[in-house]
Amino acid sequence: MIGLALASIATWTVLVAKTRELRILVKRQRQSLSVLSDADSLKAAHEKLDEGQGSTELTRAAAKELRLSANTLADTEGVKERVASSLERLEAASGRRITKGTSILATIGATAPFVGLFGTVWGIMNSFIGISKAQTTNLAVVAPGIAEALLATALGLVAAIPAVVIYNHFARQIAAYKALVGDTSVAILRLVSRDLSRHTITGLKAVGED
């Protein structure tokens, strides 16, 4: 019983914490995407981005790859592929970070009904034991065990149903956030392509450095 109550508390705690986290991250990512869409070069975009915004890590990684590829800029496709690879790695890391804490919801949603079922069986067993000891089927003997069984069932459902609903909600929200990060990477790749086409990467060495 206590375990199911704690599981329910954990579910609502994750809801509050993850909702706040997602709201902040999505807001920052949208602001970053707006800046990147309006910029005409990677350096200009990085200078306009605040340090706390989500895409600074992505722009810094792109700029680093451009610096490392300074001697092979003629191979523009190769440079773009390396930049894209760096961005994909950061996208994956971002996805792993944002999903932290949601797995507990899936666990609660999957196990709570069975824990409740175990409590139900236990309560019914107690009812039969009471009948056996009292040698009667009087309601006063049966009722406590039945009440315990029904309470266990109810607690299992109260813990499981919100966990499943909230998990599915976050699955959609996280998918939308990942798509937003993907759009940001595309915007950065577009700026990299533009810089390479112009051959105006002078000054990019300063990007991302103190």
N, C-alpha and C. Protein backbone atom coordinates (compact mmCIF):
# COMPACT_ATOMS: atom_id res chain seq x y z
N MET A 1 0.82 -1.21 0.00
CA MET A 1 0.00 0.00 0.00
C MET A 1 0.86 1.26 0.00
N ILE A 2 1.86 1.25 0.89
CA ILE A 2 2.75 2.41 0.99
C ILE A 2 3.52 2.58 -0.31
N GLY A 3 3.95 1.46 -0.89
CA GLY A 3 4.69 1.52 -2.16
C GLY A 3 3.86 2.15 -3.26
N LEU A 4 2.59 1.81 -3.34
CA LEU A 4 1.71 2.38 -4.37
C LEU A 4 1.49 3.87 -4.13
N ALA A 5 1.38 4.26 -2.86
CA ALA A 5 1.22 5.68 -2.55
C ALA A 5 2.47 6.45 -2.95
N LEU A 6 3.64 5.88 -2.66
CA LEU A 6 4.90 6.53 -3.05
C LEU A 6 5.03 6.61 -4.57
N ALA A 7 4.59 5.56 -5.26
CA ALA A 7 4.63 5.57 -6.72
C ALA A 7 3.76 6.68 -7.28
N SER A 8 2.60 6.88 -6.68
CA SER A 8 1.70 7.95 -7.12
C SER A 8 2.34 9.32 -6.90
N ILE A 9 2.98 9.50 -5.74
CA ILE A 9 3.67 10.77 -5.46
C ILE A 9 4.79 11.00 -6.46
N ALA A 10 5.55 9.94 -6.77
CA ALA A 10 6.64 10.05 -7.74
C ALA A 10 6.12 10.46 -9.11
N THR A 11 4.98 9.93 -9.50
CA THR A 11 4.39 10.26 -10.80
C THR A 11 4.09 11.74 -10.91
N TRP A 12 3.45 12.29 -9.90
CA TRP A 12 3.08 13.72 -9.95
C TRP A 12 4.29 14.62 -9.80
N THR A 13 5.31 14.14 -9.07
CA THR A 13 6.56 14.91 -8.96
C THR A 13 7.25 15.01 -10.32
N VAL A 14 7.31 13.89 -11.03
CA VAL A 14 7.91 13.89 -12.38
C VAL A 14 7.12 14.80 -13.31
N LEU A 15 5.80 14.78 -13.20
CA LEU A 15 4.96 15.64 -14.04
C LEU A 15 5.32 17.10 -13.87
N VAL A 16 5.41 17.56 -12.63
CA VAL A 16 5.70 18.97 -12.35
C VAL A 16 7.10 19.33 -12.82
N ALA A 17 8.09 18.50 -12.45
CA ALA A 17 9.49 18.80 -12.77
C ALA A 17 9.75 18.76 -14.27
N LYS A 18 9.26 17.73 -14.93
CA LYS A 18 9.53 17.58 -16.37
C LYS A 18 8.77 18.60 -17.20
N THR A 19 7.57 18.97 -16.76
CA THR A 19 6.81 20.00 -17.48
C THR A 19 7.56 21.32 -17.45
N ARG A 20 8.08 21.67 -16.29
CA ARG A 20 8.85 22.92 -16.15
C ARG A 20 10.12 22.87 -17.01
N GLU A 21 10.82 21.74 -16.97
CA GLU A 21 12.05 21.59 -17.75
C GLU A 21 11.78 21.72 -19.24
N LEU A 22 10.75 21.04 -19.72
CA LEU A 22 10.43 21.08 -21.15
C LEU A 22 10.00 22.47 -21.59
N ARG A 23 9.23 23.15 -20.75
CA ARG A 23 8.77 24.50 -21.10
C ARG A 23 9.96 25.44 -21.30
N ILE A 24 10.93 25.36 -20.40
CA ILE A 24 12.12 26.21 -20.49
C ILE A 24 12.95 25.86 -21.72
N LEU A 25 13.18 24.57 -21.94
CA LEU A 25 14.02 24.14 -23.07
C LEU A 25 13.38 24.48 -24.41
N VAL A 26 12.08 24.26 -24.53
CA VAL A 26 11.40 24.55 -25.79
C VAL A 26 11.43 26.05 -26.08
N LYS A 27 11.23 26.86 -25.06
CA LYS A 27 11.27 28.31 -25.24
C LYS A 27 12.64 28.76 -25.72
N ARG A 28 13.70 28.25 -25.08
CA ARG A 28 15.07 28.62 -25.47
C ARG A 28 15.38 28.14 -26.88
N GLN A 29 14.94 26.93 -27.20
CA GLN A 29 15.24 26.37 -28.52
C GLN A 29 14.54 27.17 -29.62
N ARG A 30 13.32 27.60 -29.37
CA ARG A 30 12.60 28.40 -30.36
C ARG A 30 13.26 29.75 -30.56
N GLN A 31 13.73 30.34 -29.47
CA GLN A 31 14.44 31.61 -29.58
C GLN A 31 15.72 31.44 -30.39
N SER A 32 16.44 30.35 -30.13
CA SER A 32 17.66 30.07 -30.87
C SER A 32 17.38 29.87 -32.35
N LEU A 33 16.33 29.12 -32.64
CA LEU A 33 15.98 28.85 -34.04
C LEU A 33 15.63 30.14 -34.76
N SER A 34 14.97 31.05 -34.07
CA SER A 34 14.63 32.34 -34.66
C SER A 34 15.89 33.13 -35.00
N VAL A 35 16.85 33.13 -34.07
CA VAL A 35 18.12 33.84 -34.31
C VAL A 35 18.87 33.22 -35.48
N LEU A 36 18.93 31.91 -35.51
CA LEU A 36 19.64 31.21 -36.59
C LEU A 36 18.99 31.45 -37.95
N SER A 37 17.68 31.53 -37.96
CA SER A 37 16.97 31.74 -39.22
C SER A 37 17.22 33.13 -39.79
N ASP A 38 17.46 34.10 -38.90
CA ASP A 38 17.67 35.48 -39.33
C ASP A 38 19.13 35.80 -39.61
N ALA A 39 20.05 34.96 -39.13
CA ALA A 39 21.48 35.25 -39.28
C ALA A 39 21.94 34.93 -40.70
N ASP A 40 23.02 35.61 -41.12
CA ASP A 40 23.56 35.37 -42.46
C ASP A 40 24.87 34.60 -42.42
N SER A 41 25.36 34.30 -41.21
CA SER A 41 26.59 33.51 -41.08
C SER A 41 26.59 32.83 -39.72
N LEU A 42 27.41 31.80 -39.59
CA LEU A 42 27.49 31.07 -38.33
C LEU A 42 28.04 31.95 -37.23
N LYS A 43 29.05 32.74 -37.54
CA LYS A 43 29.66 33.62 -36.55
C LYS A 43 28.65 34.65 -36.05
N ALA A 44 27.89 35.23 -36.97
CA ALA A 44 26.90 36.23 -36.59
C ALA A 44 25.82 35.61 -35.69
N ALA A 45 25.42 34.39 -36.02
CA ALA A 45 24.40 33.71 -35.22
C ALA A 45 24.91 33.44 -33.81
N HIS A 46 26.15 32.95 -33.71
CA HIS A 46 26.70 32.62 -32.41
C HIS A 46 26.83 33.86 -31.53
N GLU A 47 27.19 34.97 -32.14
CA GLU A 47 27.35 36.21 -31.37
C GLU A 47 26.02 36.72 -30.83
N LYS A 48 24.93 36.41 -31.54
CA LYS A 48 23.61 36.88 -31.10
C LYS A 48 22.96 35.96 -30.08
N LEU A 49 23.45 34.73 -30.02
CA LEU A 49 22.85 33.76 -29.10
C LEU A 49 23.36 33.99 -27.68
N ASP A 50 22.45 33.90 -26.72
CA ASP A 50 22.84 33.97 -25.32
C ASP A 50 23.43 32.63 -24.91
N GLU A 51 24.31 32.66 -23.91
CA GLU A 51 24.98 31.44 -23.47
C GLU A 51 24.00 30.39 -22.98
N GLY A 52 22.87 30.82 -22.41
CA GLY A 52 21.91 29.88 -21.86
C GLY A 52 21.01 29.25 -22.90
N GLN A 53 21.04 29.74 -24.12
CA GLN A 53 20.15 29.20 -25.14
C GLN A 53 20.64 27.85 -25.64
N GLY A 54 19.67 27.04 -26.07
CA GLY A 54 19.96 25.64 -26.34
C GLY A 54 20.92 25.35 -27.47
N SER A 55 21.03 26.24 -28.45
CA SER A 55 21.81 25.91 -29.63
C SER A 55 23.26 26.39 -29.57
N THR A 56 23.68 27.03 -28.47
CA THR A 56 25.07 27.50 -28.40
C THR A 56 26.04 26.33 -28.48
N GLU A 57 25.68 25.21 -27.87
CA GLU A 57 26.53 24.02 -27.94
C GLU A 57 26.63 23.51 -29.37
N LEU A 58 25.54 23.59 -30.11
CA LEU A 58 25.53 23.14 -31.49
C LEU A 58 26.36 24.06 -32.38
N THR A 59 26.19 25.37 -32.22
CA THR A 59 26.97 26.31 -33.04
C THR A 59 28.45 26.21 -32.72
N ARG A 60 28.77 25.99 -31.45
CA ARG A 60 30.17 25.86 -31.06
C ARG A 60 30.78 24.61 -31.69
N ALA A 61 30.02 23.52 -31.72
CA ALA A 61 30.52 22.29 -32.32
C ALA A 61 30.74 22.46 -33.82
N ALA A 62 29.81 23.16 -34.48
CA ALA A 62 29.95 23.40 -35.92
C ALA A 62 31.18 24.26 -36.20
N ALA A 63 31.36 25.31 -35.38
CA ALA A 63 32.52 26.19 -35.57
C ALA A 63 33.83 25.46 -35.32
N LYS A 64 33.83 24.56 -34.33
CA LYS A 64 35.03 23.79 -34.04
C LYS A 64 35.40 22.91 -35.22
N GLU A 65 34.42 22.26 -35.83
CA GLU A 65 34.70 21.41 -36.98
C GLU A 65 35.22 22.24 -38.15
N LEU A 66 34.69 23.44 -38.33
CA LEU A 66 35.20 24.31 -39.40
C LEU A 66 36.65 24.69 -39.15
N ARG A 67 37.01 24.94 -37.90
CA ARG A 67 38.40 25.27 -37.59
C ARG A 67 39.32 24.08 -37.85
N LEU A 68 38.86 22.89 -37.43
CA LEU A 68 39.67 21.69 -37.64
C LEU A 68 39.80 21.34 -39.11
N SER A 69 38.83 21.77 -39.91
CA SER A 69 38.84 21.48 -41.35
C SER A 69 39.36 22.65 -42.17
N ALA A 70 40.04 23.58 -41.52
CA ALA A 70 40.48 24.80 -42.21
C ALA A 70 41.35 24.51 -43.43
N ASN A 71 42.09 23.41 -43.39
CA ASN A 71 42.99 23.09 -44.51
C ASN A 71 42.32 22.26 -45.60
N THR A 72 41.06 21.91 -45.38
CA THR A 72 40.37 21.07 -46.37
C THR A 72 39.04 21.69 -46.79
N LEU A 73 38.96 23.00 -46.75
CA LEU A 73 37.69 23.67 -47.05
C LEU A 73 37.26 23.50 -48.51
N ALA A 74 38.22 23.15 -49.36
CA ALA A 74 37.85 22.94 -50.76
C ALA A 74 36.89 21.75 -50.89
N ASP A 75 37.04 20.80 -49.99
CA ASP A 75 36.14 19.64 -49.97
C ASP A 75 34.90 20.00 -49.14
N THR A 76 34.03 20.82 -49.71
CA THR A 76 32.88 21.34 -48.96
C THR A 76 31.94 20.23 -48.50
N GLU A 77 31.75 19.22 -49.33
CA GLU A 77 30.84 18.13 -48.95
C GLU A 77 31.38 17.36 -47.75
N GLY A 78 32.70 17.15 -47.75
CA GLY A 78 33.31 16.46 -46.61
C GLY A 78 33.17 17.26 -45.33
N VAL A 79 33.37 18.56 -45.43
CA VAL A 79 33.22 19.43 -44.26
C VAL A 79 31.78 19.38 -43.74
N LYS A 80 30.83 19.47 -44.66
CA LYS A 80 29.42 19.44 -44.26
C LYS A 80 29.06 18.12 -43.57
N GLU A 81 29.62 17.02 -44.09
CA GLU A 81 29.34 15.71 -43.49
C GLU A 81 29.89 15.63 -42.07
N ARG A 82 31.09 16.17 -41.87
CA ARG A 82 31.69 16.13 -40.53
C ARG A 82 30.91 17.02 -39.56
N VAL A 83 30.49 18.18 -40.03
CA VAL A 83 29.68 19.06 -39.19
C VAL A 83 28.36 18.37 -38.84
N ALA A 84 27.74 17.76 -39.84
CA ALA A 84 26.47 17.07 -39.60
C ALA A 84 26.64 15.93 -38.60
N SER A 85 27.77 15.22 -38.69
CA SER A 85 28.04 14.13 -37.75
C SER A 85 28.16 14.65 -36.32
N SER A 86 28.85 15.77 -36.17
CA SER A 86 29.00 16.38 -34.84
C SER A 86 27.65 16.81 -34.27
N LEU A 87 26.83 17.40 -35.13
CA LEU A 87 25.52 17.86 -34.69
C LEU A 87 24.61 16.69 -34.33
N GLU A 88 24.69 15.61 -35.11
CA GLU A 88 23.86 14.43 -34.81
C GLU A 88 24.22 13.84 -33.46
N ARG A 89 25.51 13.82 -33.15
CA ARG A 89 25.95 13.30 -31.85
C ARG A 89 25.38 14.14 -30.71
N LEU A 90 25.41 15.46 -30.88
CA LEU A 90 24.87 16.35 -29.85
C LEU A 90 23.35 16.24 -29.75
N GLU A 91 22.70 16.05 -30.90
CA GLU A 91 21.24 15.85 -30.89
C GLU A 91 20.88 14.60 -30.08
N ALA A 92 21.64 13.53 -30.29
CA ALA A 92 21.38 12.28 -29.57
C ALA A 92 21.58 12.47 -28.07
N ALA A 93 22.64 13.20 -27.70
CA ALA A 93 22.90 13.46 -26.28
C ALA A 93 21.78 14.29 -25.67
N SER A 94 21.29 15.27 -26.44
CA SER A 94 20.18 16.11 -25.97
C SER A 94 18.93 15.27 -25.76
N GLY A 95 18.69 14.33 -26.66
CA GLY A 95 17.53 13.46 -26.53
C GLY A 95 17.61 12.58 -25.30
N ARG A 96 18.82 12.08 -25.01
CA ARG A 96 18.99 11.24 -23.82
C ARG A 96 18.77 12.04 -22.54
N ARG A 97 19.25 13.29 -22.54
CA ARG A 97 19.08 14.12 -21.35
C ARG A 97 17.61 14.42 -21.07
N ILE A 98 16.87 14.75 -22.12
CA ILE A 98 15.48 15.18 -21.92
C ILE A 98 14.58 14.01 -21.51
N THR A 99 14.98 12.78 -21.84
CA THR A 99 14.14 11.63 -21.48
C THR A 99 14.41 11.12 -20.07
N LYS A 100 15.44 11.64 -19.42
CA LYS A 100 15.74 11.20 -18.06
C LYS A 100 14.55 11.49 -17.14
N GLY A 101 14.20 10.52 -16.34
CA GLY A 101 13.11 10.69 -15.39
C GLY A 101 11.78 10.17 -15.88
N THR A 102 11.65 9.97 -17.18
CA THR A 102 10.36 9.50 -17.70
C THR A 102 10.22 7.98 -17.64
N SER A 103 11.34 7.28 -17.57
CA SER A 103 11.26 5.81 -17.54
C SER A 103 10.55 5.31 -16.29
N ILE A 104 10.64 6.07 -15.21
CA ILE A 104 9.96 5.65 -13.98
C ILE A 104 8.45 5.62 -14.18
N LEU A 105 7.95 6.51 -15.05
CA LEU A 105 6.51 6.52 -15.33
C LEU A 105 6.08 5.23 -16.02
N ALA A 106 6.89 4.79 -16.98
CA ALA A 106 6.59 3.53 -17.68
C ALA A 106 6.63 2.36 -16.71
N THR A 107 7.61 2.39 -15.80
CA THR A 107 7.73 1.31 -14.82
C THR A 107 6.52 1.27 -13.89
N ILE A 108 6.11 2.45 -13.41
CA ILE A 108 4.94 2.52 -12.52
C ILE A 108 3.68 2.07 -13.25
N GLY A 109 3.52 2.56 -14.48
CA GLY A 109 2.34 2.21 -15.25
C GLY A 109 2.24 0.72 -15.53
N ALA A 110 3.40 0.07 -15.68
CA ALA A 110 3.40 -1.36 -16.00
C ALA A 110 3.26 -2.25 -14.76
N THR A 111 3.81 -1.81 -13.63
CA THR A 111 3.86 -2.68 -12.45
C THR A 111 2.78 -2.40 -11.41
N ALA A 112 2.31 -1.16 -11.32
CA ALA A 112 1.35 -0.81 -10.26
C ALA A 112 0.08 -1.68 -10.29
N PRO A 113 -0.50 -1.96 -11.47
CA PRO A 113 -1.70 -2.82 -11.46
C PRO A 113 -1.43 -4.21 -10.89
N PHE A 114 -0.23 -4.73 -11.15
CA PHE A 114 0.09 -6.06 -10.63
C PHE A 114 0.33 -6.03 -9.13
N VAL A 115 0.93 -4.93 -8.65
CA VAL A 115 1.09 -4.78 -7.20
C VAL A 115 -0.29 -4.68 -6.55
N GLY A 116 -1.19 -3.92 -7.19
CA GLY A 116 -2.55 -3.83 -6.69
C GLY A 116 -3.25 -5.18 -6.71
N LEU A 117 -3.01 -5.95 -7.77
CA LEU A 117 -3.60 -7.29 -7.88
C LEU A 117 -3.09 -8.20 -6.77
N PHE A 118 -1.81 -8.08 -6.48
CA PHE A 118 -1.24 -8.86 -5.38
C PHE A 118 -1.94 -8.51 -4.06
N GLY A 119 -2.18 -7.20 -3.84
CA GLY A 119 -2.89 -6.78 -2.64
C GLY A 119 -4.31 -7.31 -2.62
N THR A 120 -4.93 -7.38 -3.79
CA THR A 120 -6.29 -7.92 -3.89
C THR A 120 -6.31 -9.39 -3.47
N VAL A 121 -5.38 -10.14 -4.01
CA VAL A 121 -5.29 -11.57 -3.67
C VAL A 121 -5.02 -11.74 -2.17
N TRP A 122 -4.15 -10.90 -1.65
CA TRP A 122 -3.81 -10.98 -0.23
C TRP A 122 -5.04 -10.70 0.64
N GLY A 123 -5.82 -9.68 0.25
CA GLY A 123 -7.02 -9.35 1.00
C GLY A 123 -8.05 -10.46 0.97
N ILE A 124 -8.23 -11.07 -0.19
CA ILE A 124 -9.18 -12.18 -0.31
C ILE A 124 -8.71 -13.38 0.51
N MET A 125 -7.39 -13.62 0.48
CA MET A 125 -6.84 -14.71 1.31
C MET A 125 -7.15 -14.47 2.78
N ASN A 126 -6.99 -13.22 3.22
CA ASN A 126 -7.29 -12.90 4.62
C ASN A 126 -8.76 -13.14 4.94
N SER A 127 -9.63 -12.86 3.95
CA SER A 127 -11.06 -13.10 4.15
C SER A 127 -11.33 -14.59 4.36
N PHE A 128 -10.72 -15.42 3.52
CA PHE A 128 -10.91 -16.87 3.65
C PHE A 128 -10.32 -17.39 4.97
N ILE A 129 -9.19 -16.82 5.36
CA ILE A 129 -8.59 -17.23 6.63
C ILE A 129 -9.52 -16.87 7.79
N GLY A 130 -10.12 -15.66 7.69
CA GLY A 130 -11.06 -15.24 8.72
C GLY A 130 -12.28 -16.14 8.78
N ILE A 131 -12.79 -16.54 7.62
CA ILE A 131 -13.93 -17.45 7.57
C ILE A 131 -13.56 -18.80 8.20
N SER A 132 -12.34 -19.27 7.87
CA SER A 132 -11.90 -20.56 8.39
C SER A 132 -11.79 -20.54 9.91
N LYS A 133 -11.25 -19.46 10.43
CA LYS A 133 -11.06 -19.38 11.88
C LYS A 133 -12.39 -19.20 12.61
N ALA A 134 -13.28 -18.38 12.04
CA ALA A 134 -14.55 -18.09 12.71
C ALA A 134 -15.60 -19.15 12.43
N GLN A 135 -15.34 -19.99 11.44
CA GLN A 135 -16.30 -21.02 11.04
C GLN A 135 -17.67 -20.41 10.71
N THR A 136 -17.63 -19.22 10.08
CA THR A 136 -18.86 -18.54 9.69
C THR A 136 -18.58 -17.62 8.52
N THR A 137 -19.62 -17.34 7.74
CA THR A 137 -19.49 -16.41 6.61
C THR A 137 -20.12 -15.07 6.95
N ASN A 138 -20.18 -14.76 8.20
CA ASN A 138 -20.75 -13.49 8.66
C ASN A 138 -20.01 -12.33 8.00
N LEU A 139 -20.76 -11.30 7.61
CA LEU A 139 -20.18 -10.15 6.92
C LEU A 139 -19.09 -9.48 7.74
N ALA A 140 -19.24 -9.47 9.03
CA ALA A 140 -18.23 -8.84 9.90
C ALA A 140 -16.89 -9.55 9.80
N VAL A 141 -16.92 -10.81 9.46
CA VAL A 141 -15.68 -11.58 9.31
C VAL A 141 -15.07 -11.36 7.94
N VAL A 142 -15.92 -11.32 6.92
CA VAL A 142 -15.45 -11.22 5.54
C VAL A 142 -15.08 -9.80 5.14
N ALA A 143 -15.80 -8.83 5.67
CA ALA A 143 -15.68 -7.44 5.21
C ALA A 143 -14.27 -6.86 5.28
N PRO A 144 -13.52 -7.04 6.39
CA PRO A 144 -12.18 -6.43 6.45
C PRO A 144 -11.26 -6.87 5.31
N GLY A 145 -11.25 -8.16 5.03
CA GLY A 145 -10.39 -8.67 3.95
C GLY A 145 -10.83 -8.17 2.59
N ILE A 146 -12.15 -8.13 2.36
CA ILE A 146 -12.66 -7.64 1.08
C ILE A 146 -12.34 -6.16 0.91
N ALA A 147 -12.49 -5.40 1.99
CA ALA A 147 -12.17 -3.97 1.95
C ALA A 147 -10.70 -3.75 1.63
N GLU A 148 -9.84 -4.57 2.24
CA GLU A 148 -8.40 -4.48 1.97
C GLU A 148 -8.10 -4.80 0.51
N ALA A 149 -8.78 -5.79 -0.02
CA ALA A 149 -8.58 -6.18 -1.42
C ALA A 149 -9.01 -5.07 -2.37
N LEU A 150 -10.17 -4.48 -2.11
CA LEU A 150 -10.67 -3.40 -2.97
C LEU A 150 -9.78 -2.16 -2.88
N LEU A 151 -9.27 -1.87 -1.68
CA LEU A 151 -8.38 -0.72 -1.52
C LEU A 151 -7.10 -0.92 -2.31
N ALA A 152 -6.55 -2.14 -2.26
CA ALA A 152 -5.32 -2.43 -3.02
C ALA A 152 -5.55 -2.27 -4.51
N THR A 153 -6.69 -2.75 -4.99
CA THR A 153 -7.03 -2.60 -6.41
C THR A 153 -7.13 -1.14 -6.80
N ALA A 154 -7.82 -0.37 -5.97
CA ALA A 154 -8.01 1.06 -6.25
C ALA A 154 -6.68 1.80 -6.27
N LEU A 155 -5.82 1.52 -5.29
CA LEU A 155 -4.52 2.19 -5.23
C LEU A 155 -3.66 1.84 -6.44
N GLY A 156 -3.72 0.57 -6.86
CA GLY A 156 -2.97 0.17 -8.05
C GLY A 156 -3.40 0.93 -9.28
N LEU A 157 -4.70 1.11 -9.45
CA LEU A 157 -5.21 1.85 -10.61
C LEU A 157 -4.92 3.34 -10.49
N VAL A 158 -5.04 3.88 -9.28
CA VAL A 158 -4.75 5.30 -9.06
C VAL A 158 -3.29 5.61 -9.38
N ALA A 159 -2.40 4.67 -9.09
CA ALA A 159 -0.98 4.87 -9.39
C ALA A 159 -0.68 4.65 -10.87
N ALA A 160 -1.32 3.65 -11.48
CA ALA A 160 -0.96 3.25 -12.84
C ALA A 160 -1.55 4.15 -13.92
N ILE A 161 -2.83 4.49 -13.80
CA ILE A 161 -3.49 5.24 -14.88
C ILE A 161 -2.85 6.60 -15.13
N PRO A 162 -2.64 7.43 -14.09
CA PRO A 162 -1.97 8.71 -14.34
C PRO A 162 -0.56 8.54 -14.91
N ALA A 163 0.16 7.51 -14.42
CA ALA A 163 1.53 7.29 -14.90
C ALA A 163 1.55 7.01 -16.40
N VAL A 164 0.62 6.19 -16.88
CA VAL A 164 0.56 5.87 -18.31
C VAL A 164 0.17 7.10 -19.13
N VAL A 165 -0.83 7.83 -18.66
CA VAL A 165 -1.28 9.03 -19.38
C VAL A 165 -0.17 10.07 -19.44
N ILE A 166 0.49 10.30 -18.31
CA ILE A 166 1.57 11.30 -18.26
C ILE A 166 2.76 10.86 -19.10
N TYR A 167 3.07 9.57 -19.08
CA TYR A 167 4.19 9.06 -19.90
C TYR A 167 3.92 9.30 -21.38
N ASN A 168 2.71 9.01 -21.83
CA ASN A 168 2.36 9.23 -23.23
C ASN A 168 2.38 10.71 -23.58
N HIS A 169 1.95 11.55 -22.64
CA HIS A 169 2.00 13.00 -22.85
C HIS A 169 3.44 13.46 -23.06
N PHE A 170 4.33 13.00 -22.19
CA PHE A 170 5.73 13.40 -22.30
C PHE A 170 6.39 12.81 -23.55
N ALA A 171 5.96 11.63 -23.96
CA ALA A 171 6.50 11.04 -25.18
C ALA A 171 6.23 11.95 -26.37
N ARG A 172 5.03 12.52 -26.43
CA ARG A 172 4.69 13.45 -27.52
C ARG A 172 5.47 14.76 -27.39
N GLN A 173 5.56 15.28 -26.17
CA GLN A 173 6.27 16.54 -25.93
C GLN A 173 7.76 16.41 -26.25
N ILE A 174 8.34 15.29 -25.85
CA ILE A 174 9.77 15.07 -26.10
C ILE A 174 10.03 14.88 -27.59
N ALA A 175 9.13 14.20 -28.28
CA ALA A 175 9.27 14.04 -29.74
C ALA A 175 9.24 15.40 -30.42
N ALA A 176 8.36 16.28 -29.96
CA ALA A 176 8.28 17.63 -30.53
C ALA A 176 9.55 18.41 -30.25
N TYR A 177 10.10 18.25 -29.04
CA TYR A 177 11.34 18.95 -28.69
C TYR A 177 12.50 18.44 -29.54
N LYS A 178 12.58 17.12 -29.73
CA LYS A 178 13.64 16.56 -30.56
C LYS A 178 13.54 17.08 -31.99
N ALA A 179 12.32 17.21 -32.49
CA ALA A 179 12.13 17.76 -33.84
C ALA A 179 12.61 19.20 -33.90
N LEU A 180 12.39 19.94 -32.82
CA LEU A 180 12.84 21.33 -32.76
C LEU A 180 14.37 21.41 -32.76
N VAL A 181 15.01 20.51 -32.02
CA VAL A 181 16.47 20.45 -32.03
C VAL A 181 16.97 20.07 -33.42
N GLY A 182 16.26 19.16 -34.08
CA GLY A 182 16.62 18.79 -35.45
C GLY A 182 16.52 19.96 -36.40
N ASP A 183 15.47 20.78 -36.25
CA ASP A 183 15.33 21.98 -37.08
C ASP A 183 16.47 22.96 -36.83
N THR A 184 16.91 23.03 -35.57
CA THR A 184 18.03 23.91 -35.23
C THR A 184 19.31 23.44 -35.91
N SER A 185 19.54 22.13 -35.90
CA SER A 185 20.72 21.58 -36.57
C SER A 185 20.68 21.87 -38.07
N VAL A 186 19.51 21.75 -38.66
CA VAL A 186 19.37 22.05 -40.09
C VAL A 186 19.69 23.52 -40.36
N ALA A 187 19.23 24.40 -39.48
CA ALA A 187 19.51 25.83 -39.65
C ALA A 187 21.01 26.11 -39.55
N ILE A 188 21.69 25.41 -38.64
CA ILE A 188 23.14 25.58 -38.50
C ILE A 188 23.86 25.05 -39.73
N LEU A 189 23.44 23.91 -40.23
CA LEU A 189 24.04 23.36 -41.44
C LEU A 189 23.85 24.30 -42.63
N ARG A 190 22.70 24.96 -42.66
CA ARG A 190 22.45 25.92 -43.74
C ARG A 190 23.43 27.09 -43.66
N LEU A 191 23.70 27.56 -42.44
CA LEU A 191 24.67 28.65 -42.26
C LEU A 191 26.08 28.19 -42.63
N VAL A 192 26.43 26.96 -42.25
CA VAL A 192 27.74 26.41 -42.61
C VAL A 192 27.88 26.34 -44.12
N SER A 193 26.85 25.83 -44.78
CA SER A 193 26.87 25.74 -46.24
C SER A 193 27.02 27.12 -46.87
N ARG A 194 26.32 28.08 -46.30
CA ARG A 194 26.39 29.45 -46.81
C ARG A 194 27.80 30.02 -46.64
N ASP A 195 28.40 29.78 -45.47
CA ASP A 195 29.76 30.27 -45.22
C ASP A 195 30.76 29.62 -46.17
N LEU A 196 30.60 28.32 -46.38
CA LEU A 196 31.53 27.63 -47.27
C LEU A 196 31.37 28.11 -48.70
N SER A 197 30.16 28.37 -49.11
CA SER A 197 29.93 28.86 -50.47
C SER A 197 30.56 30.22 -50.68
N ARG A 198 30.52 31.04 -49.67
CA ARG A 198 31.11 32.38 -49.79
C ARG A 198 32.62 32.36 -49.56
N HIS A 199 33.09 31.29 -48.93
CA HIS A 199 34.50 31.24 -48.51
C HIS A 199 34.81 32.40 -47.58
N THR A 200 33.89 32.66 -46.66
CA THR A 200 34.09 33.76 -45.71
C THR A 200 34.08 33.21 -44.29
N ILE A 201 34.98 32.30 -44.02
CA ILE A 201 35.04 31.74 -42.68
C ILE A 201 36.03 32.49 -41.80
N THR A 202 36.60 33.56 -42.30
CA THR A 202 37.53 34.35 -41.50
C THR A 202 36.82 34.84 -40.25
N GLY A 203 37.45 34.63 -39.13
CA GLY A 203 36.85 35.07 -37.88
C GLY A 203 36.13 33.97 -37.14
N LEU A 204 35.91 32.85 -37.79
CA LEU A 204 35.21 31.76 -37.12
C LEU A 204 36.05 31.13 -36.01
N LYS A 205 37.34 31.37 -36.03
CA LYS A 205 38.20 30.82 -35.00
C LYS A 205 37.83 31.35 -33.62
N ALA A 206 37.20 32.50 -33.61
CA ALA A 206 36.83 33.09 -32.33
C ALA A 206 35.52 32.54 -31.79
N VAL A 207 34.77 31.88 -32.62
CA VAL A 207 33.46 31.41 -32.20
C VAL A 207 33.61 30.34 -31.13
N GLY A 208 32.90 30.53 -30.02
CA GLY A 208 32.90 29.53 -28.96
C GLY A 208 34.10 29.59 -28.05
N GLU A 209 35.01 30.50 -28.28
CA GLU A 209 36.18 30.62 -27.41
C GLU A 209 36.01 31.81 -26.49
N ASP A 210 36.59 31.73 -25.33
CA ASP A 210 36.53 32.85 -24.39
C ASP A 210 37.50 33.93 -24.86
